Amino acid sequence: DHYLEVPFDLSKILFVTTANSLSTIPRPLLDRMEIIEVSGYIEEEKLNIVKKYLLPKQIKEHALKYNFIKMDDEVIRDVIDSYTREAGVRNLERKIAQIGRKVAKKYVENPSLEEVVITKADLDEYLGKNRYRHQLAGTKPEVGIVTGLAWTAVGGETLTAEVNVLKGKGQVVLTGKLGAVMKESAQTGISYIRSIADNFDIDPEFYSKNDIHIHLPEGAVPKDGPSAGITMALAVLSALTNIPVRNNVAMTGEITLRGRVLAVGGVKEKLLAAHRAGITKVLLPKDCKHDLEEIPQNVKDEMEFVLVEHMDEVLEHALLRNGEK
């Protein structure tokens, strides 16, 4: 030790460190570490944490009697989804504590209260206006609009790929604060479409006679990764052929030049986001089959999972052709 000038043995000491992102750790140090990935809590886990720990804790800390605050599952889910956006439960605990303080104030003002039942309509009073809104599935099939799935540090999210094909000189415009990998995925998808243009009676020169604008809202949120490859390719093909895409279908997967669909990460979080958005059918890379073992049974019972190996299968399940419903 350079401070006490006393030697000591570190050979049997285990050092543990945590980080929200591996990118914050210097590469030479990272190479010498054993990495343990810990995923965030899913909504179902957060729900049970609130019911079994956070709510009883706040009731006790505010000197209220057991079960004084009553919130049903739907109200708790609304607090989780609309007032917090995080991998853990720190902010969720703050929100439950905020409810506890206001209930305690009510009890002080009216000691005859036996219990306080909180409904969804009461949340504005206790927590203010909700801060977050999750995207829901579209209400009808549309041309050039496809629902994709994304992984974020705070869980899964649905994202919409929108495509317009305009008369122009062959420009591909990508907006929505997309990263380099996502831009390459879009280019790869367009090259794949050029290779199958004859199958869909698409003008072989479409790429030189038109401008293709691909947009992924929300525009202020950075996005990157290969997971939206098949989503963007399908949206471009739909816009070129004027064939609508089923609104109850979402997808994730990387695309190759030959149309193969490659595995991606964060499948558990993505599927839970699709379930929350009201999606009933999800297209996944076949190599992600093992990820389905981690999905809660209630989600499996309400959704259909289609494992695909090639873009042909994506088109078969997602495009609404020949008067289909």
C-alpha atoms as a PDB file:
ATOM      1  CA  ASP A   1       0.000   0.000   0.000  1.00  0.00           C
ATOM      2  CA  HIS A   2       1.480   3.347  -1.063  1.00  0.00           C
ATOM      3  CA  TYR A   3      -0.271   5.263   1.719  1.00  0.00           C
ATOM      4  CA  LEU A   4       0.570   3.131   4.762  1.00  0.00           C
ATOM      5  CA  GLU A   5       3.731   1.612   3.233  1.00  0.00           C
ATOM      6  CA  VAL A   6       2.569  -1.819   4.423  1.00  0.00           C
ATOM      7  CA  PRO A   7       2.692  -4.777   2.024  1.00  0.00           C
ATOM      8  CA  PHE A   8      -0.333  -7.076   1.803  1.00  0.00           C
ATOM      9  CA  ASP A   9      -1.428 -10.009  -0.397  1.00  0.00           C
ATOM     10  CA  LEU A  10      -4.174  -9.452  -3.012  1.00  0.00           C
ATOM     11  CA  SER A  11      -3.844 -12.852  -4.700  1.00  0.00           C
ATOM     12  CA  LYS A  12      -7.008 -14.261  -3.098  1.00  0.00           C
ATOM     13  CA  ILE A  13      -9.106 -11.097  -3.214  1.00  0.00           C
ATOM     14  CA  LEU A  14     -12.122 -10.992  -5.546  1.00  0.00           C
ATOM     15  CA  PHE A  15     -12.976  -7.560  -6.879  1.00  0.00           C
ATOM     16  CA  VAL A  16     -16.568  -6.900  -8.004  1.00  0.00           C
ATOM     17  CA  THR A  17     -17.619  -3.828  -9.978  1.00  0.00           C
ATOM     18  CA  THR A  18     -20.865  -2.795 -11.663  1.00  0.00           C
ATOM     19  CA  ALA A  19     -21.605  -0.687 -14.718  1.00  0.00           C
ATOM     20  CA  ASN A  20     -24.715   0.305 -16.626  1.00  0.00           C
ATOM     21  CA  SER A  21     -22.840  -0.069 -19.909  1.00  0.00           C
ATOM     22  CA  LEU A  22     -19.694  -2.003 -20.865  1.00  0.00           C
ATOM     23  CA  SER A  23     -18.695   0.897 -23.107  1.00  0.00           C
ATOM     24  CA  THR A  24     -17.782   2.898 -19.993  1.00  0.00           C
ATOM     25  CA  ILE A  25     -15.057   0.385 -19.011  1.00  0.00           C
ATOM     26  CA  PRO A  26     -11.596   0.803 -20.635  1.00  0.00           C
ATOM     27  CA  ARG A  27     -10.940  -2.037 -23.095  1.00  0.00           C
ATOM     28  CA  PRO A  28      -7.648  -3.266 -21.514  1.00  0.00           C
ATOM     29  CA  LEU A  29      -9.437  -3.583 -18.156  1.00  0.00           C
ATOM     30  CA  LEU A  30     -12.493  -5.222 -19.728  1.00  0.00           C
ATOM     31  CA  ASP A  31     -10.299  -7.930 -21.276  1.00  0.00           C
ATOM     32  CA  ARG A  32      -9.154  -8.924 -17.792  1.00  0.00           C
ATOM     33  CA  MET A  33     -12.643  -9.184 -16.342  1.00  0.00           C
ATOM     34  CA  GLU A  34     -15.263 -11.909 -16.180  1.00  0.00           C
ATOM     35  CA  ILE A  35     -18.476 -10.331 -17.523  1.00  0.00           C
ATOM     36  CA  ILE A  36     -21.801 -11.273 -15.926  1.00  0.00           C
ATOM     37  CA  GLU A  37     -24.772  -9.815 -17.829  1.00  0.00           C
ATOM     38  CA  VAL A  38     -27.755  -9.003 -15.596  1.00  0.00           C
ATOM     39  CA  SER A  39     -30.940  -8.146 -17.491  1.00  0.00           C
ATOM     40  CA  GLY A  40     -33.462  -5.667 -16.102  1.00  0.00           C
ATOM     41  CA  TYR A  41     -36.710  -6.648 -14.445  1.00  0.00           C
ATOM     42  CA  ILE A  42     -39.654  -7.440 -16.694  1.00  0.00           C
ATOM     43  CA  GLU A  43     -43.068  -5.906 -15.973  1.00  0.00           C
ATOM     44  CA  GLU A  44     -44.377  -9.045 -14.264  1.00  0.00           C
ATOM     45  CA  GLU A  45     -41.385  -9.070 -11.907  1.00  0.00           C
ATOM     46  CA  LYS A  46     -41.828  -5.385 -11.101  1.00  0.00           C
ATOM     47  CA  LEU A  47     -45.502  -5.988 -10.371  1.00  0.00           C
ATOM     48  CA  ASN A  48     -44.654  -8.655  -7.795  1.00  0.00           C
ATOM     49  CA  ILE A  49     -41.871  -6.517  -6.272  1.00  0.00           C
ATOM     50  CA  VAL A  50     -44.398  -3.729  -5.692  1.00  0.00           C
ATOM     51  CA  LYS A  51     -47.042  -6.042  -4.210  1.00  0.00           C
ATOM     52  CA  LYS A  52     -44.737  -8.042  -1.961  1.00  0.00           C
ATOM     53  CA  TYR A  53     -42.079  -5.506  -0.940  1.00  0.00           C
ATOM     54  CA  LEU A  54     -42.380  -1.872  -2.015  1.00  0.00           C
ATOM     55  CA  LEU A  55     -46.008  -1.217  -1.100  1.00  0.00           C
ATOM     56  CA  PRO A  56     -45.877  -3.016   2.305  1.00  0.00           C
ATOM     57  CA  LYS A  57     -42.605  -1.176   3.031  1.00  0.00           C
ATOM     58  CA  GLN A  58     -44.174   2.240   2.371  1.00  0.00           C
ATOM     59  CA  ILE A  59     -47.267   1.387   4.432  1.00  0.00           C
ATOM     60  CA  LYS A  60     -45.013   0.481   7.349  1.00  0.00           C
ATOM     61  CA  GLU A  61     -42.730   3.510   6.970  1.00  0.00           C
ATOM     62  CA  HIS A  62     -45.724   5.861   7.008  1.00  0.00           C
ATOM     63  CA  ALA A  63     -47.129   4.266  10.177  1.00  0.00           C
ATOM     64  CA  LEU A  64     -50.245   3.013   8.434  1.00  0.00           C
ATOM     65  CA  LYS A  65     -51.934  -0.241   9.329  1.00  0.00           C
ATOM     66  CA  TYR A  66     -51.398  -3.391   7.268  1.00  0.00           C
ATOM     67  CA  ASN A  67     -53.060  -3.320   3.834  1.00  0.00           C
ATOM     68  CA  PHE A  68     -54.233   0.287   4.329  1.00  0.00           C
ATOM     69  CA  ILE A  69     -53.338   1.221   0.732  1.00  0.00           C
ATOM     70  CA  LYS A  70     -55.098  -0.920  -1.865  1.00  0.00           C
ATOM     71  CA  MET A  71     -53.987  -0.949  -5.513  1.00  0.00           C
ATOM     72  CA  ASP A  72     -55.053  -3.657  -7.941  1.00  0.00           C
ATOM     73  CA  ASP A  73     -52.693  -5.134 -10.537  1.00  0.00           C
ATOM     74  CA  GLU A  74     -53.868  -2.886 -13.371  1.00  0.00           C
ATOM     75  CA  VAL A  75     -53.194   0.261 -11.341  1.00  0.00           C
ATOM     76  CA  ILE A  76     -49.700  -0.944 -10.410  1.00  0.00           C
ATOM     77  CA  ARG A  77     -48.999  -1.794 -14.066  1.00  0.00           C
ATOM     78  CA  ASP A  78     -50.071   1.721 -15.009  1.00  0.00           C
ATOM     79  CA  VAL A  79     -47.587   3.188 -12.504  1.00  0.00           C
ATOM     80  CA  ILE A  80     -44.841   0.940 -13.926  1.00  0.00           C
ATOM     81  CA  ASP A  81     -45.580   1.714 -17.591  1.00  0.00           C
ATOM     82  CA  SER A  82     -46.704   5.338 -17.496  1.00  0.00           C
ATOM     83  CA  TYR A  83     -44.609   6.879 -14.703  1.00  0.00           C
ATOM     84  CA  THR A  84     -41.276   5.029 -14.871  1.00  0.00           C
ATOM     85  CA  ARG A  85     -38.900   3.863 -17.574  1.00  0.00           C
ATOM     86  CA  GLU A  86     -35.967   1.949 -16.083  1.00  0.00           C
ATOM     87  CA  ALA A  87     -34.314  -1.451 -15.883  1.00  0.00           C
ATOM     88  CA  GLY A  88     -34.516  -1.560 -12.065  1.00  0.00           C
ATOM     89  CA  VAL A  89     -37.048  -0.293  -9.539  1.00  0.00           C
ATOM     90  CA  ARG A  90     -35.473   2.830  -7.982  1.00  0.00           C
ATOM     91  CA  ASN A  91     -37.873   5.305  -9.577  1.00  0.00           C
ATOM     92  CA  LEU A  92     -40.732   2.897  -9.076  1.00  0.00           C
ATOM     93  CA  GLU A  93     -39.995   2.874  -5.341  1.00  0.00           C
ATOM     94  CA  ARG A  94     -39.976   6.693  -5.363  1.00  0.00           C
ATOM     95  CA  LYS A  95     -43.403   6.735  -7.008  1.00  0.00           C
ATOM     96  CA  ILE A  96     -44.832   4.278  -4.471  1.00  0.00           C
ATOM     97  CA  ALA A  97     -43.303   6.393  -1.675  1.00  0.00           C
ATOM     98  CA  GLN A  98     -44.944   9.492  -3.179  1.00  0.00           C
ATOM     99  CA  ILE A  99     -48.296   7.721  -3.040  1.00  0.00           C
ATOM    100  CA  GLY A 100     -47.557   6.663   0.556  1.00  0.00           C
ATOM    101  CA  ARG A 101     -46.865  10.254   1.650  1.00  0.00           C
ATOM    102  CA  LYS A 102     -50.097  11.592   0.165  1.00  0.00           C
ATOM    103  CA  VAL A 103     -52.144   8.753   1.651  1.00  0.00           C
ATOM    104  CA  ALA A 104     -50.534   9.405   5.067  1.00  0.00           C
ATOM    105  CA  LYS A 105     -51.527  13.066   4.768  1.00  0.00           C
ATOM    106  CA  LYS A 106     -55.106  12.046   4.029  1.00  0.00           C
ATOM    107  CA  TYR A 107     -55.120   9.801   7.095  1.00  0.00           C
ATOM    108  CA  VAL A 108     -53.826  12.594   9.331  1.00  0.00           C
ATOM    109  CA  GLU A 109     -56.590  14.871   8.036  1.00  0.00           C
ATOM    110  CA  ASN A 110     -59.217  12.145   8.473  1.00  0.00           C
ATOM    111  CA  PRO A 111     -58.243   9.526  11.129  1.00  0.00           C
ATOM    112  CA  SER A 112     -61.529   7.675  10.620  1.00  0.00           C
ATOM    113  CA  LEU A 113     -60.295   6.285   7.293  1.00  0.00           C
ATOM    114  CA  GLU A 114     -60.124   2.476   7.309  1.00  0.00           C
ATOM    115  CA  GLU A 115     -58.370   2.137   3.945  1.00  0.00           C
ATOM    116  CA  VAL A 116     -57.563   4.049   0.773  1.00  0.00           C
ATOM    117  CA  VAL A 117     -58.341   2.420  -2.571  1.00  0.00           C
ATOM    118  CA  ILE A 118     -56.377   3.892  -5.475  1.00  0.00           C
ATOM    119  CA  THR A 119     -57.773   3.569  -8.991  1.00  0.00           C
ATOM    120  CA  LYS A 120     -56.296   4.532 -12.358  1.00  0.00           C
ATOM    121  CA  ALA A 121     -58.329   7.737 -12.270  1.00  0.00           C
ATOM    122  CA  ASP A 122     -56.633   8.678  -8.973  1.00  0.00           C
ATOM    123  CA  LEU A 123     -53.070   8.440 -10.287  1.00  0.00           C
ATOM    124  CA  ASP A 124     -53.109  11.995 -11.656  1.00  0.00           C
ATOM    125  CA  GLU A 125     -53.874  13.222  -8.130  1.00  0.00           C
ATOM    126  CA  TYR A 126     -51.091  11.198  -6.513  1.00  0.00           C
ATOM    127  CA  LEU A 127     -48.371  11.240  -9.208  1.00  0.00           C
ATOM    128  CA  GLY A 128     -49.335  14.007 -11.610  1.00  0.00           C
ATOM    129  CA  LYS A 129     -49.648  13.558 -15.372  1.00  0.00           C
ATOM    130  CA  ASN A 130     -48.089  10.388 -16.751  1.00  0.00           C
ATOM    131  CA  ARG A 131     -44.686  10.925 -18.338  1.00  0.00           C
ATOM    132  CA  TYR A 132     -44.389   7.948 -20.681  1.00  0.00           C
ATOM    133  CA  ARG A 133     -46.592   6.373 -23.311  1.00  0.00           C
ATOM    134  CA  HIS A 134     -45.934   3.075 -25.020  1.00  0.00           C
ATOM    135  CA  GLN A 135     -46.734   2.616 -28.677  1.00  0.00           C
ATOM    136  CA  LEU A 136     -49.718   0.373 -29.445  1.00  0.00           C
ATOM    137  CA  ALA A 137     -50.279  -1.811 -32.489  1.00  0.00           C
ATOM    138  CA  GLY A 138     -51.891  -0.144 -35.489  1.00  0.00           C
ATOM    139  CA  THR A 139     -55.632  -0.411 -35.957  1.00  0.00           C
ATOM    140  CA  LYS A 140     -55.475  -1.476 -39.626  1.00  0.00           C
ATOM    141  CA  PRO A 141     -52.972  -2.828 -42.196  1.00  0.00           C
ATOM    142  CA  GLU A 142     -51.044  -0.082 -43.981  1.00  0.00           C
ATOM    143  CA  VAL A 143     -48.672   0.192 -46.903  1.00  0.00           C
ATOM    144  CA  GLY A 144     -45.040   0.950 -46.066  1.00  0.00           C
ATOM    145  CA  ILE A 145     -45.511   0.792 -42.294  1.00  0.00           C
ATOM    146  CA  VAL A 146     -44.102  -2.134 -40.285  1.00  0.00           C
ATOM    147  CA  THR A 147     -43.822  -2.723 -36.533  1.00  0.00           C
ATOM    148  CA  GLY A 148     -40.357  -3.730 -35.384  1.00  0.00           C
ATOM    149  CA  LEU A 149     -38.969  -4.564 -31.957  1.00  0.00           C
ATOM    150  CA  ALA A 150     -35.999  -2.956 -30.233  1.00  0.00           C
ATOM    151  CA  TRP A 151     -33.958  -3.556 -27.105  1.00  0.00           C
ATOM    152  CA  THR A 152     -33.078  -0.611 -24.876  1.00  0.00           C
ATOM    153  CA  ALA A 153     -31.241  -0.291 -21.569  1.00  0.00           C
ATOM    154  CA  VAL A 154     -34.615   0.032 -19.821  1.00  0.00           C
ATOM    155  CA  GLY A 155     -36.334  -2.879 -21.571  1.00  0.00           C
ATOM    156  CA  GLY A 156     -37.981  -3.666 -24.885  1.00  0.00           C
ATOM    157  CA  GLU A 157     -39.823  -1.210 -27.119  1.00  0.00           C
ATOM    158  CA  THR A 158     -41.817  -1.404 -30.312  1.00  0.00           C
ATOM    159  CA  LEU A 159     -40.688   0.828 -33.154  1.00  0.00           C
ATOM    160  CA  THR A 160     -42.400   1.660 -36.431  1.00  0.00           C
ATOM    161  CA  ALA A 161     -40.543   1.712 -39.721  1.00  0.00           C
ATOM    162  CA  GLU A 162     -42.204   4.093 -42.191  1.00  0.00           C
ATOM    163  CA  VAL A 163     -41.258   4.258 -45.876  1.00  0.00           C
ATOM    164  CA  ASN A 164     -42.238   6.637 -48.666  1.00  0.00           C
ATOM    165  CA  VAL A 165     -41.161   6.066 -52.270  1.00  0.00           C
ATOM    166  CA  LEU A 166     -40.911   9.330 -54.213  1.00  0.00           C
ATOM    167  CA  LYS A 167     -39.948  10.239 -57.755  1.00  0.00           C
ATOM    168  CA  GLY A 168     -36.297  11.209 -57.679  1.00  0.00           C
ATOM    169  CA  LYS A 169     -32.740  10.259 -58.569  1.00  0.00           C
ATOM    170  CA  GLY A 170     -32.013   7.190 -56.459  1.00  0.00           C
ATOM    171  CA  GLN A 171     -31.359   8.752 -53.079  1.00  0.00           C
ATOM    172  CA  VAL A 172     -31.898   6.710 -49.920  1.00  0.00           C
ATOM    173  CA  VAL A 173     -32.823   9.051 -47.065  1.00  0.00           C
ATOM    174  CA  LEU A 174     -32.647   7.656 -43.523  1.00  0.00           C
ATOM    175  CA  THR A 175     -34.049   9.674 -40.616  1.00  0.00           C
ATOM    176  CA  GLY A 176     -34.829   9.043 -36.983  1.00  0.00           C
ATOM    177  CA  LYS A 177     -31.300   9.397 -35.562  1.00  0.00           C
ATOM    178  CA  LEU A 178     -30.117   6.045 -36.913  1.00  0.00           C
ATOM    179  CA  GLY A 179     -26.634   4.675 -36.223  1.00  0.00           C
ATOM    180  CA  ALA A 180     -24.160   3.330 -38.781  1.00  0.00           C
ATOM    181  CA  VAL A 181     -25.164  -0.326 -38.365  1.00  0.00           C
ATOM    182  CA  MET A 182     -28.854   0.455 -38.889  1.00  0.00           C
ATOM    183  CA  LYS A 183     -28.076   2.470 -42.009  1.00  0.00           C
ATOM    184  CA  GLU A 184     -26.088  -0.459 -43.407  1.00  0.00           C
ATOM    185  CA  SER A 185     -29.032  -2.773 -42.634  1.00  0.00           C
ATOM    186  CA  ALA A 186     -31.317  -0.518 -44.686  1.00  0.00           C
ATOM    187  CA  GLN A 187     -28.901  -0.581 -47.633  1.00  0.00           C
ATOM    188  CA  THR A 188     -28.623  -4.373 -47.363  1.00  0.00           C
ATOM    189  CA  GLY A 189     -32.415  -4.713 -47.407  1.00  0.00           C
ATOM    190  CA  ILE A 190     -32.708  -2.547 -50.529  1.00  0.00           C
ATOM    191  CA  SER A 191     -30.039  -4.639 -52.308  1.00  0.00           C
ATOM    192  CA  TYR A 192     -31.980  -7.771 -51.427  1.00  0.00           C
ATOM    193  CA  ILE A 193     -35.178  -6.252 -52.848  1.00  0.00           C
ATOM    194  CA  ARG A 194     -33.337  -5.430 -56.091  1.00  0.00           C
ATOM    195  CA  SER A 195     -32.410  -9.103 -56.387  1.00  0.00           C
ATOM    196  CA  ILE A 196     -36.070 -10.252 -56.135  1.00  0.00           C
ATOM    197  CA  ALA A 197     -37.707  -7.342 -57.993  1.00  0.00           C
ATOM    198  CA  ASP A 198     -38.931  -9.622 -60.810  1.00  0.00           C
ATOM    199  CA  ASN A 199     -40.902 -11.753 -58.334  1.00  0.00           C
ATOM    200  CA  PHE A 200     -43.070  -8.763 -57.391  1.00  0.00           C
ATOM    201  CA  ASP A 201     -43.281  -6.974 -60.761  1.00  0.00           C
ATOM    202  CA  ILE A 202     -41.168  -4.143 -59.362  1.00  0.00           C
ATOM    203  CA  ASP A 203     -39.433  -1.937 -61.938  1.00  0.00           C
ATOM    204  CA  PRO A 204     -35.806  -3.220 -61.962  1.00  0.00           C
ATOM    205  CA  GLU A 205     -34.646   0.413 -62.125  1.00  0.00           C
ATOM    206  CA  PHE A 206     -36.678   1.496 -59.091  1.00  0.00           C
ATOM    207  CA  TYR A 207     -33.514   2.299 -57.154  1.00  0.00           C
ATOM    208  CA  SER A 208     -32.349   4.844 -59.746  1.00  0.00           C
ATOM    209  CA  LYS A 209     -35.716   6.399 -60.629  1.00  0.00           C
ATOM    210  CA  ASN A 210     -37.020   6.930 -57.101  1.00  0.00           C
ATOM    211  CA  ASP A 211     -35.940   8.352 -53.772  1.00  0.00           C
ATOM    212  CA  ILE A 212     -36.614   6.064 -50.818  1.00  0.00           C
ATOM    213  CA  HIS A 213     -37.194   7.739 -47.466  1.00  0.00           C
ATOM    214  CA  ILE A 214     -37.020   5.467 -44.397  1.00  0.00           C
ATOM    215  CA  HIS A 215     -38.026   6.988 -41.063  1.00  0.00           C
ATOM    216  CA  LEU A 216     -38.104   5.494 -37.578  1.00  0.00           C
ATOM    217  CA  PRO A 217     -39.848   7.605 -34.922  1.00  0.00           C
ATOM    218  CA  GLU A 218     -39.085   8.823 -32.250  1.00  0.00           C
ATOM    219  CA  GLY A 219     -36.679  11.122 -34.024  1.00  0.00           C
ATOM    220  CA  ALA A 220     -34.847  12.366 -30.928  1.00  0.00           C
ATOM    221  CA  VAL A 221     -33.990   8.867 -29.643  1.00  0.00           C
ATOM    222  CA  PRO A 222     -30.706   7.358 -30.982  1.00  0.00           C
ATOM    223  CA  LYS A 223     -31.144   3.925 -32.592  1.00  0.00           C
ATOM    224  CA  ASP A 224     -28.588   1.418 -33.816  1.00  0.00           C
ATOM    225  CA  GLY A 225     -28.050  -2.277 -34.342  1.00  0.00           C
ATOM    226  CA  PRO A 226     -28.975  -4.864 -36.986  1.00  0.00           C
ATOM    227  CA  SER A 227     -32.261  -5.988 -35.383  1.00  0.00           C
ATOM    228  CA  ALA A 228     -34.475  -3.841 -37.634  1.00  0.00           C
ATOM    229  CA  GLY A 229     -33.025  -5.273 -40.865  1.00  0.00           C
ATOM    230  CA  ILE A 230     -36.057  -7.354 -41.845  1.00  0.00           C
ATOM    231  CA  THR A 231     -38.421  -4.644 -40.577  1.00  0.00           C
ATOM    232  CA  MET A 232     -36.990  -1.957 -42.857  1.00  0.00           C
ATOM    233  CA  ALA A 233     -36.684  -4.331 -45.840  1.00  0.00           C
ATOM    234  CA  LEU A 234     -40.350  -5.325 -45.515  1.00  0.00           C
ATOM    235  CA  ALA A 235     -41.456  -1.691 -45.221  1.00  0.00           C
ATOM    236  CA  VAL A 236     -39.548  -0.767 -48.415  1.00  0.00           C
ATOM    237  CA  LEU A 237     -40.975  -3.747 -50.319  1.00  0.00           C
ATOM    238  CA  SER A 238     -44.500  -2.899 -49.155  1.00  0.00           C
ATOM    239  CA  ALA A 239     -44.112   0.710 -50.291  1.00  0.00           C
ATOM    240  CA  LEU A 240     -42.782  -0.360 -53.714  1.00  0.00           C
ATOM    241  CA  THR A 241     -45.523  -2.927 -54.353  1.00  0.00           C
ATOM    242  CA  ASN A 242     -48.387  -1.099 -52.600  1.00  0.00           C
ATOM    243  CA  ILE A 243     -49.125  -4.302 -50.642  1.00  0.00           C
ATOM    244  CA  PRO A 244     -50.247  -3.576 -47.050  1.00  0.00           C
ATOM    245  CA  VAL A 245     -48.572  -5.153 -44.007  1.00  0.00           C
ATOM    246  CA  ARG A 246     -50.586  -6.917 -41.299  1.00  0.00           C
ATOM    247  CA  ASN A 247     -50.998  -4.608 -38.315  1.00  0.00           C
ATOM    248  CA  ASN A 248     -50.997  -7.433 -35.720  1.00  0.00           C
ATOM    249  CA  VAL A 249     -47.509  -8.645 -36.707  1.00  0.00           C
ATOM    250  CA  ALA A 250     -44.169  -7.435 -35.313  1.00  0.00           C
ATOM    251  CA  MET A 251     -40.687  -8.693 -36.080  1.00  0.00           C
ATOM    252  CA  THR A 252     -36.990  -8.574 -35.288  1.00  0.00           C
ATOM    253  CA  GLY A 253     -33.991  -9.995 -37.118  1.00  0.00           C
ATOM    254  CA  GLU A 254     -30.895  -9.144 -39.115  1.00  0.00           C
ATOM    255  CA  ILE A 255     -31.031  -9.495 -42.906  1.00  0.00           C
ATOM    256  CA  THR A 256     -28.248 -10.585 -45.263  1.00  0.00           C
ATOM    257  CA  LEU A 257     -27.817  -9.745 -48.954  1.00  0.00           C
ATOM    258  CA  ARG A 258     -29.280 -13.142 -49.872  1.00  0.00           C
ATOM    259  CA  GLY A 259     -32.281 -12.650 -47.582  1.00  0.00           C
ATOM    260  CA  ARG A 260     -31.237 -14.917 -44.725  1.00  0.00           C
ATOM    261  CA  VAL A 261     -32.530 -13.894 -41.299  1.00  0.00           C
ATOM    262  CA  LEU A 262     -29.872 -13.921 -38.578  1.00  0.00           C
ATOM    263  CA  ALA A 263     -30.244 -14.092 -34.795  1.00  0.00           C
ATOM    264  CA  VAL A 264     -30.386 -10.964 -32.634  1.00  0.00           C
ATOM    265  CA  GLY A 265     -30.276 -10.267 -28.889  1.00  0.00           C
ATOM    266  CA  GLY A 266     -32.710  -8.955 -26.295  1.00  0.00           C
ATOM    267  CA  VAL A 267     -35.489 -11.288 -27.467  1.00  0.00           C
ATOM    268  CA  LYS A 268     -37.184 -11.625 -24.078  1.00  0.00           C
ATOM    269  CA  GLU A 269     -37.530  -7.864 -23.600  1.00  0.00           C
ATOM    270  CA  LYS A 270     -38.678  -7.374 -27.200  1.00  0.00           C
ATOM    271  CA  LEU A 271     -41.412  -9.995 -26.966  1.00  0.00           C
ATOM    272  CA  LEU A 272     -42.750  -8.511 -23.743  1.00  0.00           C
ATOM    273  CA  ALA A 273     -42.875  -5.097 -25.449  1.00  0.00           C
ATOM    274  CA  ALA A 274     -44.835  -6.649 -28.332  1.00  0.00           C
ATOM    275  CA  HIS A 275     -47.270  -8.228 -25.875  1.00  0.00           C
ATOM    276  CA  ARG A 276     -47.756  -4.884 -24.113  1.00  0.00           C
ATOM    277  CA  ALA A 277     -48.463  -3.204 -27.471  1.00  0.00           C
ATOM    278  CA  GLY A 278     -51.234  -5.672 -28.334  1.00  0.00           C
ATOM    279  CA  ILE A 279     -49.263  -7.578 -30.987  1.00  0.00           C
ATOM    280  CA  THR A 280     -50.537 -11.145 -31.459  1.00  0.00           C
ATOM    281  CA  LYS A 281     -47.901 -12.535 -33.843  1.00  0.00           C
ATOM    282  CA  VAL A 282     -44.116 -12.096 -33.777  1.00  0.00           C
ATOM    283  CA  LEU A 283     -41.598 -13.182 -36.416  1.00  0.00           C
ATOM    284  CA  LEU A 284     -38.240 -14.243 -34.938  1.00  0.00           C
ATOM    285  CA  PRO A 285     -35.005 -15.652 -36.344  1.00  0.00           C
ATOM    286  CA  LYS A 286     -34.990 -19.459 -36.060  1.00  0.00           C
ATOM    287  CA  ASP A 287     -31.716 -19.311 -34.123  1.00  0.00           C
ATOM    288  CA  CYS A 288     -33.546 -17.429 -31.340  1.00  0.00           C
ATOM    289  CA  LYS A 289     -35.751 -20.430 -30.529  1.00  0.00           C
ATOM    290  CA  HIS A 290     -34.002 -21.036 -27.185  1.00  0.00           C
ATOM    291  CA  ASP A 291     -34.908 -17.495 -26.061  1.00  0.00           C
ATOM    292  CA  LEU A 292     -38.583 -18.471 -25.968  1.00  0.00           C
ATOM    293  CA  GLU A 293     -37.879 -20.581 -22.866  1.00  0.00           C
ATOM    294  CA  GLU A 294     -37.508 -17.355 -20.853  1.00  0.00           C
ATOM    295  CA  ILE A 295     -40.923 -15.958 -21.835  1.00  0.00           C
ATOM    296  CA  PRO A 296     -43.666 -16.048 -19.150  1.00  0.00           C
ATOM    297  CA  GLN A 297     -46.363 -18.620 -19.890  1.00  0.00           C
ATOM    298  CA  ASN A 298     -49.188 -16.057 -19.892  1.00  0.00           C
ATOM    299  CA  VAL A 299     -47.435 -14.225 -22.756  1.00  0.00           C
ATOM    300  CA  LYS A 300     -46.908 -17.472 -24.691  1.00  0.00           C
ATOM    301  CA  ASP A 301     -50.595 -18.298 -24.340  1.00  0.00           C
ATOM    302  CA  GLU A 302     -51.674 -14.992 -25.896  1.00  0.00           C
ATOM    303  CA  MET A 303     -49.179 -14.724 -28.760  1.00  0.00           C
ATOM    304  CA  GLU A 304     -48.005 -16.704 -31.768  1.00  0.00           C
ATOM    305  CA  PHE A 305     -44.271 -16.983 -32.413  1.00  0.00           C
ATOM    306  CA  VAL A 306     -43.085 -17.790 -35.940  1.00  0.00           C
ATOM    307  CA  LEU A 307     -39.440 -18.814 -36.360  1.00  0.00           C
ATOM    308  CA  VAL A 308     -38.084 -17.788 -39.771  1.00  0.00           C
ATOM    309  CA  GLU A 309     -34.844 -18.496 -41.627  1.00  0.00           C
ATOM    310  CA  HIS A 310     -35.351 -16.466 -44.788  1.00  0.00           C
ATOM    311  CA  MET A 311     -36.993 -13.227 -45.858  1.00  0.00           C
ATOM    312  CA  ASP A 312     -39.416 -15.230 -48.043  1.00  0.00           C
ATOM    313  CA  GLU A 313     -41.055 -16.515 -44.846  1.00  0.00           C
ATOM    314  CA  VAL A 314     -41.282 -12.975 -43.462  1.00  0.00           C
ATOM    315  CA  LEU A 315     -43.100 -11.835 -46.612  1.00  0.00           C
ATOM    316  CA  GLU A 316     -45.446 -14.825 -46.460  1.00  0.00           C
ATOM    317  CA  HIS A 317     -46.528 -14.123 -42.880  1.00  0.00           C
ATOM    318  CA  ALA A 318     -46.550 -10.304 -42.929  1.00  0.00           C
ATOM    319  CA  LEU A 319     -47.871  -9.164 -46.318  1.00  0.00           C
ATOM    320  CA  LEU A 320     -51.624  -8.983 -46.856  1.00  0.00           C
ATOM    321  CA  ARG A 321     -52.149 -10.200 -50.417  1.00  0.00           C
ATOM    322  CA  ASN A 322     -55.044 -11.188 -52.695  1.00  0.00           C
ATOM    323  CA  GLY A 323     -57.828  -9.908 -50.477  1.00  0.00           C
ATOM    324  CA  GLU A 324     -56.622 -11.758 -47.374  1.00  0.00           C
ATOM    325  CA  LYS A 325     -57.756 -10.636 -43.935  1.00  0.00           C
END
